[in-house]
Protein backbone atom coordinates (compact mmCIF):
# COMPACT_ATOMS: atom_id res chain seq x y z
CA UNK A 1 -5.98 -155.27 45.08
CA UNK A 2 -5.47 -153.44 48.27
CA UNK A 3 -7.76 -153.25 51.27
CA UNK A 4 -9.51 -149.86 51.95
CA UNK A 5 -8.20 -147.88 55.03
CA UNK A 6 -10.81 -146.12 57.01
CA UNK A 7 -10.98 -142.28 56.59
CA UNK A 8 -9.44 -139.77 58.97
CA UNK A 9 -12.84 -138.91 60.22
CA UNK A 10 -13.63 -142.55 60.99
CA UNK A 11 -10.30 -143.16 62.64
CA UNK A 12 -10.87 -140.15 64.92
CA UNK A 13 -14.33 -141.54 65.88
CA UNK A 14 -12.94 -145.14 66.39
CA UNK A 15 -10.21 -143.72 68.79
CA UNK A 16 -12.74 -141.92 70.81
CA UNK A 17 -14.81 -145.18 71.03
CA UNK A 18 -11.86 -147.18 72.22
CA UNK A 19 -10.42 -148.83 69.25
CA UNK A 20 -6.80 -149.72 70.18
CA UNK A 21 -5.75 -152.68 68.00
CA UNK A 22 -2.28 -152.92 66.48
CA UNK A 23 -2.24 -151.77 62.87
CA UNK A 24 0.39 -151.15 60.31
CA UNK A 25 -0.76 -147.79 59.12
CA UNK A 26 -1.63 -144.53 60.94
CA UNK A 27 -2.54 -141.00 60.17
CA UNK A 28 -0.18 -138.14 61.13
CA UNK A 29 -1.42 -134.84 62.59
CA UNK A 30 -3.27 -134.18 59.34
CA UNK A 31 -5.53 -136.36 57.32
CA UNK A 32 -3.18 -136.25 54.44
CA UNK A 33 -0.17 -137.96 56.29
CA UNK A 34 -0.15 -141.70 56.37
CA UNK A 35 2.62 -143.64 58.03
CA UNK A 36 3.60 -147.30 57.77
CA UNK A 37 4.25 -148.33 61.35
CA UNK A 38 3.07 -150.91 63.85
CA UNK A 39 1.17 -148.88 66.32
CA UNK A 40 -1.98 -148.39 68.47
CA UNK A 41 -3.76 -145.39 69.47
CA UNK A 42 -2.10 -145.46 72.88
CA UNK A 43 1.59 -146.21 72.33
CA UNK A 44 2.75 -143.73 69.70
CA UNK A 45 4.24 -140.27 70.31
CA UNK A 46 4.40 -139.33 66.62
CA UNK A 47 1.33 -140.95 65.29
CA UNK A 48 -1.98 -139.16 65.85
CA UNK A 49 -4.56 -141.89 64.86
CA UNK A 50 -4.24 -145.57 63.91
CA UNK A 51 -5.74 -146.38 60.51
CA UNK A 52 -7.05 -149.81 60.25
CA UNK A 53 -8.66 -151.32 57.23
CA UNK A 54 -12.37 -151.11 56.89
CA UNK A 55 -12.63 -154.83 57.41
CA UNK A 56 -10.63 -154.74 60.59
CA UNK A 57 -12.64 -152.23 62.16
CA UNK A 58 -15.80 -153.98 60.87
CA UNK A 59 -14.49 -157.14 62.64
CA UNK A 60 -13.72 -155.12 65.95
CA UNK A 61 -17.28 -153.78 65.95
CA UNK A 62 -18.66 -157.25 65.48
CA UNK A 63 -16.43 -159.02 67.95
CA UNK A 64 -16.22 -156.47 70.73
CA UNK A 65 -19.47 -154.53 70.45
CA UNK A 66 -21.69 -157.20 68.89
CA UNK A 67 -22.68 -154.76 66.09
CA UNK A 68 -22.80 -156.27 62.57
CA UNK A 69 -22.71 -154.22 59.34
CA UNK A 70 -24.30 -155.55 56.17
CA UNK A 71 -23.66 -153.98 52.89
CA UNK A 72 -25.97 -154.83 49.91
CA UNK A 73 -26.22 -153.88 46.31
CA UNK A 74 -29.60 -152.71 44.87
CA UNK A 75 -29.26 -152.19 41.15
CA UNK A 76 -26.50 -149.51 40.65
CA UNK A 77 -26.58 -148.26 44.28
CA UNK A 78 -25.29 -149.68 47.61
CA UNK A 79 -26.85 -149.60 50.94
CA UNK A 80 -26.05 -150.94 54.54
CA UNK A 81 -27.85 -151.87 57.68
CA UNK A 82 -26.64 -152.30 61.27
CA UNK A 83 -27.77 -155.17 63.53
CA UNK A 84 -26.89 -156.12 67.12
CA UNK A 85 -25.69 -159.66 67.13
CA UNK A 86 -27.38 -162.07 69.56
CA UNK A 87 -30.26 -159.81 70.09
CA UNK A 88 -33.93 -159.67 69.16
CA UNK A 89 -33.46 -156.25 67.82
CA UNK A 90 -34.12 -155.67 64.08
CA UNK A 91 -31.93 -153.47 61.99
CA UNK A 92 -30.76 -150.35 63.97
CA UNK A 93 -30.13 -148.28 60.96
CA UNK A 94 -30.65 -148.57 57.27
CA UNK A 95 -29.42 -146.30 54.51
CA UNK A 96 -29.04 -146.45 50.83
CA UNK A 97 -27.84 -144.38 47.73
CA UNK A 98 -24.02 -144.92 47.84
CA UNK A 99 -22.03 -145.24 44.76
CA UNK A 100 -19.65 -148.08 45.94
CA UNK A 101 -19.43 -150.78 48.51
CA UNK A 102 -16.58 -149.08 50.32
CA UNK A 103 -18.47 -145.80 50.60
CA UNK A 104 -21.51 -147.55 52.08
CA UNK A 105 -19.29 -149.53 54.40
CA UNK A 106 -17.42 -146.32 55.55
CA UNK A 107 -20.68 -144.65 56.51
CA UNK A 108 -21.89 -147.83 58.18
CA UNK A 109 -18.72 -147.93 60.19
CA UNK A 110 -19.18 -144.33 61.32
CA UNK A 111 -22.87 -144.93 62.26
CA UNK A 112 -21.95 -148.15 64.11
CA UNK A 113 -19.28 -146.30 66.17
CA UNK A 114 -21.86 -143.67 67.13
CA UNK A 115 -23.92 -146.36 68.78
CA UNK A 116 -21.31 -147.28 71.34
């Protein structure tokens, strides 16, 4: 079982929002090109965007920006909500109707990045 990498679209948004952790995979100049290389978004000349796993980006959002993404199953569909940790705020965003956990998490990651 292999961890899911974030999509090119999410990687682009993560870079814009300051994600700069060392990862082992990156997108080239097109979303079809993946490279195995230890890199960050700042230190690479040949790499366009670092491509972390969904779980690493989720952890970064939680630890750096205090945004927690929860993914739940409701029958045959998946949904997510976003919460600010250590705050009295209720869920910031709730969505449903995704076909897989990874699909719901990917959209949740994008929505969480937009909050930054």
